């Protein structure tokens, strides 16, 4: 049986990635293994592997993160001046999700969503 998923995303600079996720998005560091880090917030984990040659313009890393308080999360990120993706402002999508998105320092797209049926 499948029980969980932990996306693995590329990072060019571990310190920059840790600063963004820990200091801005308020994740906690679970593990630091030189070229690999594990971060956690609430019930999700994100794993990052070092990829120094990554060209952010060619990075299509994406993760969809569900939340039960999309408006509160969105407002919190605005209050902390976390840049929202220019095409990812908070809106209801045709598939019944209220979503917004942002990019991390390596252009990994983080989309946050909440079902409108909750």
C-alpha atoms as a PDB file:
ATOM      1  CA  UNK A   1       0.000   0.000   0.000  1.00  0.00           C
ATOM      2  CA  UNK A   2       1.106   3.532  -0.718  1.00  0.00           C
ATOM      3  CA  UNK A   3       1.214   5.699   2.379  1.00  0.00           C
ATOM      4  CA  UNK A   4       2.971   8.969   1.547  1.00  0.00           C
ATOM      5  CA  UNK A   5       4.928  10.900  -1.050  1.00  0.00           C
ATOM      6  CA  UNK A   6       8.048  13.014  -0.607  1.00  0.00           C
ATOM      7  CA  UNK A   7       8.993  14.931  -3.771  1.00  0.00           C
ATOM      8  CA  UNK A   8      12.673  15.311  -4.631  1.00  0.00           C
ATOM      9  CA  UNK A   9      13.613  18.641  -6.186  1.00  0.00           C
ATOM     10  CA  UNK A  10      16.925  20.008  -7.483  1.00  0.00           C
ATOM     11  CA  UNK A  11      18.871  22.765  -5.742  1.00  0.00           C
ATOM     12  CA  UNK A  12      21.965  24.637  -6.896  1.00  0.00           C
ATOM     13  CA  UNK A  13      22.995  26.104  -3.547  1.00  0.00           C
ATOM     14  CA  UNK A  14      22.089  24.324  -0.324  1.00  0.00           C
ATOM     15  CA  UNK A  15      22.409  27.435   1.872  1.00  0.00           C
ATOM     16  CA  UNK A  16      20.140  29.457  -0.387  1.00  0.00           C
ATOM     17  CA  UNK A  17      17.563  26.654  -0.477  1.00  0.00           C
ATOM     18  CA  UNK A  18      17.646  26.272   3.314  1.00  0.00           C
ATOM     19  CA  UNK A  19      17.311  30.024   3.803  1.00  0.00           C
ATOM     20  CA  UNK A  20      14.274  30.191   1.521  1.00  0.00           C
ATOM     21  CA  UNK A  21      12.424  27.203   2.943  1.00  0.00           C
ATOM     22  CA  UNK A  22      13.352  27.629   6.612  1.00  0.00           C
ATOM     23  CA  UNK A  23      13.373  31.407   7.014  1.00  0.00           C
ATOM     24  CA  UNK A  24      10.660  32.381   4.532  1.00  0.00           C
ATOM     25  CA  UNK A  25       8.325  29.396   4.262  1.00  0.00           C
ATOM     26  CA  UNK A  26       8.933  28.206   7.855  1.00  0.00           C
ATOM     27  CA  UNK A  27       9.923  24.603   7.098  1.00  0.00           C
ATOM     28  CA  UNK A  28      12.027  22.644   9.595  1.00  0.00           C
ATOM     29  CA  UNK A  29      15.259  20.884   8.747  1.00  0.00           C
ATOM     30  CA  UNK A  30      14.888  17.117   9.245  1.00  0.00           C
ATOM     31  CA  UNK A  31      18.149  16.012   7.713  1.00  0.00           C
ATOM     32  CA  UNK A  32      21.292  17.472   6.173  1.00  0.00           C
ATOM     33  CA  UNK A  33      23.404  14.936   4.305  1.00  0.00           C
ATOM     34  CA  UNK A  34      25.940  17.120   2.504  1.00  0.00           C
ATOM     35  CA  UNK A  35      24.409  17.112  -0.996  1.00  0.00           C
ATOM     36  CA  UNK A  36      20.894  16.160   0.135  1.00  0.00           C
ATOM     37  CA  UNK A  37      18.482  17.833   2.566  1.00  0.00           C
ATOM     38  CA  UNK A  38      15.078  16.922   3.938  1.00  0.00           C
ATOM     39  CA  UNK A  39      12.651  19.618   5.049  1.00  0.00           C
ATOM     40  CA  UNK A  40       9.276  19.353   6.730  1.00  0.00           C
ATOM     41  CA  UNK A  41       6.303  21.588   7.416  1.00  0.00           C
ATOM     42  CA  UNK A  42       3.179  20.251   9.063  1.00  0.00           C
ATOM     43  CA  UNK A  43       2.500  16.903   7.351  1.00  0.00           C
ATOM     44  CA  UNK A  44       4.629  17.276   4.242  1.00  0.00           C
ATOM     45  CA  UNK A  45       8.279  16.653   3.443  1.00  0.00           C
ATOM     46  CA  UNK A  46      10.318  18.000   0.576  1.00  0.00           C
ATOM     47  CA  UNK A  47      13.675  16.475  -0.321  1.00  0.00           C
ATOM     48  CA  UNK A  48      16.363  18.385  -2.234  1.00  0.00           C
ATOM     49  CA  UNK A  49      19.401  17.071  -4.059  1.00  0.00           C
ATOM     50  CA  UNK A  50      22.398  19.146  -5.092  1.00  0.00           C
ATOM     51  CA  UNK A  51      22.527  19.877  -8.824  1.00  0.00           C
ATOM     52  CA  UNK A  52      25.096  22.661  -9.270  1.00  0.00           C
ATOM     53  CA  UNK A  53      24.833  22.646 -13.078  1.00  0.00           C
ATOM     54  CA  UNK A  54      21.071  23.242 -12.998  1.00  0.00           C
ATOM     55  CA  UNK A  55      19.923  25.999 -15.308  1.00  0.00           C
ATOM     56  CA  UNK A  56      16.874  27.489 -13.547  1.00  0.00           C
ATOM     57  CA  UNK A  57      15.407  28.498 -16.910  1.00  0.00           C
ATOM     58  CA  UNK A  58      15.315  24.811 -17.845  1.00  0.00           C
ATOM     59  CA  UNK A  59      14.068  23.510 -14.495  1.00  0.00           C
ATOM     60  CA  UNK A  60      10.550  22.132 -14.640  1.00  0.00           C
ATOM     61  CA  UNK A  61      10.468  20.831 -11.060  1.00  0.00           C
ATOM     62  CA  UNK A  62       6.963  21.165  -9.660  1.00  0.00           C
ATOM     63  CA  UNK A  63       5.085  20.055  -6.591  1.00  0.00           C
ATOM     64  CA  UNK A  64       1.409  20.458  -5.670  1.00  0.00           C
ATOM     65  CA  UNK A  65       0.812  20.979  -1.952  1.00  0.00           C
ATOM     66  CA  UNK A  66      -2.681  20.709  -0.508  1.00  0.00           C
ATOM     67  CA  UNK A  67      -3.726  22.893   2.399  1.00  0.00           C
ATOM     68  CA  UNK A  68      -6.860  23.304   4.489  1.00  0.00           C
ATOM     69  CA  UNK A  69      -6.378  27.090   4.824  1.00  0.00           C
ATOM     70  CA  UNK A  70      -5.458  28.428   1.389  1.00  0.00           C
ATOM     71  CA  UNK A  71      -6.508  31.994   2.121  1.00  0.00           C
ATOM     72  CA  UNK A  72      -4.634  32.137   5.425  1.00  0.00           C
ATOM     73  CA  UNK A  73      -1.490  30.692   3.843  1.00  0.00           C
ATOM     74  CA  UNK A  74      -1.696  33.082   0.893  1.00  0.00           C
ATOM     75  CA  UNK A  75      -2.155  36.088   3.179  1.00  0.00           C
ATOM     76  CA  UNK A  76       0.712  34.968   5.397  1.00  0.00           C
ATOM     77  CA  UNK A  77       3.036  34.772   2.390  1.00  0.00           C
ATOM     78  CA  UNK A  78       1.901  38.226   1.216  1.00  0.00           C
ATOM     79  CA  UNK A  79       2.469  39.640   4.714  1.00  0.00           C
ATOM     80  CA  UNK A  80       6.017  38.230   4.697  1.00  0.00           C
ATOM     81  CA  UNK A  81       6.629  39.628   1.193  1.00  0.00           C
ATOM     82  CA  UNK A  82       7.154  36.188  -0.336  1.00  0.00           C
ATOM     83  CA  UNK A  83       6.849  36.718  -4.090  1.00  0.00           C
ATOM     84  CA  UNK A  84       3.856  35.022  -5.673  1.00  0.00           C
ATOM     85  CA  UNK A  85       4.336  33.689  -9.215  1.00  0.00           C
ATOM     86  CA  UNK A  86       3.136  36.309 -11.742  1.00  0.00           C
ATOM     87  CA  UNK A  87       0.727  33.742 -13.221  1.00  0.00           C
ATOM     88  CA  UNK A  88      -0.072  32.120  -9.891  1.00  0.00           C
ATOM     89  CA  UNK A  89      -2.243  34.525  -7.937  1.00  0.00           C
ATOM     90  CA  UNK A  90      -4.951  33.109  -5.701  1.00  0.00           C
ATOM     91  CA  UNK A  91      -7.914  32.010  -7.793  1.00  0.00           C
ATOM     92  CA  UNK A  92     -10.458  29.261  -8.225  1.00  0.00           C
ATOM     93  CA  UNK A  93      -9.459  26.924 -11.042  1.00  0.00           C
ATOM     94  CA  UNK A  94     -11.916  25.139 -13.375  1.00  0.00           C
ATOM     95  CA  UNK A  95     -11.086  21.827 -11.638  1.00  0.00           C
ATOM     96  CA  UNK A  96     -12.538  23.065  -8.347  1.00  0.00           C
ATOM     97  CA  UNK A  97      -9.341  24.011  -6.526  1.00  0.00           C
ATOM     98  CA  UNK A  98      -8.480  27.396  -5.064  1.00  0.00           C
ATOM     99  CA  UNK A  99      -4.766  27.805  -5.798  1.00  0.00           C
ATOM    100  CA  UNK A 100      -1.731  30.048  -5.863  1.00  0.00           C
ATOM    101  CA  UNK A 101       1.870  29.384  -6.792  1.00  0.00           C
ATOM    102  CA  UNK A 102       5.409  30.607  -6.205  1.00  0.00           C
ATOM    103  CA  UNK A 103       8.913  29.794  -7.387  1.00  0.00           C
ATOM    104  CA  UNK A 104      11.804  28.838  -5.141  1.00  0.00           C
ATOM    105  CA  UNK A 105      15.365  30.084  -5.838  1.00  0.00           C
ATOM    106  CA  UNK A 106      15.912  27.284  -8.387  1.00  0.00           C
ATOM    107  CA  UNK A 107      12.611  27.813 -10.233  1.00  0.00           C
ATOM    108  CA  UNK A 108      10.908  24.809  -8.659  1.00  0.00           C
ATOM    109  CA  UNK A 109       7.212  25.646  -8.898  1.00  0.00           C
ATOM    110  CA  UNK A 110       5.275  25.251  -5.645  1.00  0.00           C
ATOM    111  CA  UNK A 111       1.515  25.255  -6.165  1.00  0.00           C
ATOM    112  CA  UNK A 112      -0.679  25.373  -3.074  1.00  0.00           C
ATOM    113  CA  UNK A 113      -4.295  24.317  -3.376  1.00  0.00           C
ATOM    114  CA  UNK A 114      -7.467  23.642  -1.455  1.00  0.00           C
ATOM    115  CA  UNK A 115     -10.552  21.875  -2.724  1.00  0.00           C
ATOM    116  CA  UNK A 116     -13.604  24.090  -2.927  1.00  0.00           C
ATOM    117  CA  UNK A 117     -15.621  21.096  -1.710  1.00  0.00           C
ATOM    118  CA  UNK A 118     -14.044  21.172   1.771  1.00  0.00           C
END
